[in-house]
Amino acid sequence: MPLIRGKKRKIAAVVAGAAALPVLFAPSAWANWSSYIYGATIGFESRRWADESYTEVNFKGCKSEVNLAVGIEIYQDINNWPDDGYGEKQFTNCFIGKTSTGTESGLPSGAYYFEIKSIDGSYQPSANWVTATSVSVDTTLAD
């Protein structure tokens, strides 16, 4: 009898461990983040984040060769299919000591990222670079 009881305990432990996996890897665990960008060029992609409705991307402390603007586009990362883009947003305030913010709402649940599309009005890859001392993603609408 002790062997059967031991097997049942092992099975219960495996089932409990498997049940805990969705909690460990829940989207909210990788939804909001902050970092920086150093010397990125056109085509740079951010890390991915999970979202269910609303995304806010913030840049602070921007520098580039001309210090005018950086254009980003938020994309939904879709496996085995072209990613859905939500239009380019031009960030200029981050070059004058303020925060530049781009938002999207009504997003379907999924993984998202942003890509640098333009720098100082140029869309030529490696023609320019941009640095941002603070980059953050916030997926909570009630700020």
Protein backbone atom coordinates (compact mmCIF):
# COMPACT_ATOMS: atom_id res chain seq x y z
CA MET A 1 0.00 0.00 0.00
CA PRO A 2 2.74 2.57 0.71
CA LEU A 3 3.88 2.35 -2.95
CA ILE A 4 0.42 3.21 -4.24
CA ARG A 5 0.17 6.11 -1.85
CA GLY A 6 3.64 7.28 -2.99
CA LYS A 7 2.64 7.07 -6.66
CA LYS A 8 -0.50 9.05 -5.98
CA ARG A 9 1.57 11.75 -4.28
CA LYS A 10 3.93 11.94 -7.27
CA ILE A 11 1.02 12.18 -9.69
CA ALA A 12 -0.59 14.87 -7.55
CA ALA A 13 2.70 16.81 -7.48
CA VAL A 14 3.04 16.61 -11.29
CA VAL A 15 -0.58 17.71 -11.80
CA ALA A 16 -0.16 20.59 -9.34
CA GLY A 17 3.08 21.64 -11.04
CA ALA A 18 1.46 21.57 -14.48
CA ALA A 19 -1.49 23.58 -13.18
CA ALA A 20 0.90 26.25 -11.85
CA LEU A 21 2.65 26.77 -15.21
CA PRO A 22 0.00 29.11 -16.67
CA VAL A 23 0.32 31.30 -13.58
CA LEU A 24 4.11 31.41 -13.88
CA PHE A 25 3.98 32.31 -17.57
CA ALA A 26 0.94 34.58 -17.49
CA PRO A 27 1.12 37.52 -19.93
CA SER A 28 1.12 40.11 -17.14
CA ALA A 29 4.50 38.75 -16.03
CA TRP A 30 6.09 40.23 -19.14
CA ALA A 31 3.72 43.07 -19.98
CA ASN A 32 5.34 46.22 -18.53
CA TRP A 33 9.06 46.87 -18.80
CA SER A 34 11.66 49.63 -18.96
CA SER A 35 15.09 49.81 -20.51
CA TYR A 36 17.15 52.11 -22.75
CA ILE A 37 18.35 52.27 -26.37
CA TYR A 38 21.93 53.04 -27.34
CA GLY A 39 22.92 53.75 -30.94
CA ALA A 40 19.97 51.97 -32.56
CA THR A 41 19.41 52.32 -36.29
CA ILE A 42 16.32 52.02 -38.48
CA GLY A 43 14.87 48.53 -38.27
CA PHE A 44 15.73 48.08 -34.58
CA GLU A 45 13.06 45.97 -32.84
CA SER A 46 12.29 46.13 -29.12
CA ARG A 47 11.77 43.10 -26.98
CA ARG A 48 8.24 41.64 -26.99
CA TRP A 49 5.55 42.24 -24.39
CA ALA A 50 2.09 40.82 -23.73
CA ASP A 51 -0.96 42.99 -24.11
CA GLU A 52 -4.71 42.62 -23.93
CA SER A 53 -6.04 46.05 -24.91
CA TYR A 54 -3.86 49.14 -24.32
CA THR A 55 -0.16 49.90 -24.86
CA GLU A 56 1.84 53.02 -24.07
CA VAL A 57 5.46 53.42 -25.26
CA ASN A 58 7.53 56.20 -23.66
CA PHE A 59 10.94 57.59 -24.68
CA LYS A 60 13.02 60.04 -22.60
CA GLY A 61 16.48 61.53 -23.08
CA CYS A 62 16.72 61.09 -26.85
CA LYS A 63 19.81 61.94 -28.88
CA SER A 64 20.63 61.46 -32.55
CA GLU A 65 22.90 63.06 -35.13
CA VAL A 66 20.43 65.90 -35.82
CA ASN A 67 18.25 65.67 -32.65
CA LEU A 68 14.91 66.10 -34.42
CA ALA A 69 12.69 63.03 -34.20
CA VAL A 70 12.46 59.27 -34.01
CA GLY A 71 9.57 57.41 -35.63
CA ILE A 72 8.39 54.13 -34.14
CA GLU A 73 5.64 51.72 -35.09
CA ILE A 74 3.96 49.26 -32.72
CA TYR A 75 3.37 45.79 -34.18
CA GLN A 76 1.46 42.74 -33.07
CA ASP A 77 3.80 39.75 -33.33
CA ILE A 78 1.90 37.11 -35.32
CA ASN A 79 3.52 33.69 -35.80
CA ASN A 80 3.85 32.48 -39.40
CA TRP A 81 2.07 35.54 -40.78
CA PRO A 82 2.99 39.19 -41.45
CA ASP A 83 2.83 41.25 -38.26
CA ASP A 84 0.06 43.86 -37.93
CA GLY A 85 1.39 47.42 -37.65
CA TYR A 86 -0.48 50.34 -36.11
CA GLY A 87 1.07 53.30 -37.91
CA GLU A 88 4.20 55.33 -37.31
CA LYS A 89 4.38 57.70 -34.36
CA GLN A 90 6.88 60.57 -34.41
CA PHE A 91 8.61 61.23 -31.09
CA THR A 92 10.05 64.75 -30.74
CA ASN A 93 9.54 65.76 -27.08
CA CYS A 94 12.20 63.33 -25.89
CA PHE A 95 14.80 65.49 -27.69
CA ILE A 96 13.89 68.58 -25.63
CA GLY A 97 13.95 67.13 -22.12
CA LYS A 98 10.37 65.86 -22.04
CA THR A 99 8.71 62.47 -22.50
CA SER A 100 7.47 61.31 -25.90
CA THR A 101 4.51 58.93 -25.71
CA GLY A 102 2.77 56.75 -28.27
CA THR A 103 -0.38 54.82 -27.39
CA GLU A 104 -2.64 52.23 -28.97
CA SER A 105 -5.95 51.02 -27.56
CA GLY A 106 -8.46 48.35 -28.52
CA LEU A 107 -5.64 45.90 -29.25
CA PRO A 108 -6.33 42.18 -29.53
CA SER A 109 -4.66 39.97 -26.95
CA GLY A 110 -1.16 38.97 -28.03
CA ALA A 111 2.54 39.78 -28.12
CA TYR A 112 3.69 43.22 -29.26
CA TYR A 113 6.91 45.10 -30.06
CA PHE A 114 7.96 48.39 -31.60
CA GLU A 115 10.31 49.00 -34.50
CA ILE A 116 12.28 52.16 -35.24
CA LYS A 117 11.01 53.29 -38.65
CA SER A 118 12.71 56.68 -39.10
CA ILE A 119 15.35 58.87 -37.48
CA ASP A 120 15.49 62.65 -38.05
CA GLY A 121 13.18 62.28 -41.07
CA SER A 122 15.30 59.61 -42.78
CA TYR A 123 14.02 56.14 -43.64
CA GLN A 124 17.41 54.90 -44.89
CA PRO A 125 18.81 51.99 -42.85
CA SER A 126 22.05 52.81 -41.02
CA ALA A 127 21.91 56.45 -42.21
CA ASN A 128 21.45 57.66 -38.64
CA TRP A 129 21.30 56.42 -35.03
CA VAL A 130 19.24 57.18 -31.94
CA THR A 131 19.81 56.82 -28.21
CA ALA A 132 17.13 57.06 -25.50
CA THR A 133 18.18 57.02 -21.86
CA SER A 134 14.77 55.65 -20.84
CA VAL A 135 12.32 53.50 -22.83
CA SER A 136 9.27 52.05 -21.12
CA VAL A 137 6.19 50.07 -22.05
CA ASP A 138 3.06 50.34 -19.90
CA THR A 139 -0.02 48.26 -20.66
CA THR A 140 -2.22 49.59 -17.84
CA LEU A 141 -4.78 52.12 -19.03
CA ALA A 142 -5.66 53.40 -15.55
CA ASP A 143 -2.53 55.55 -15.02
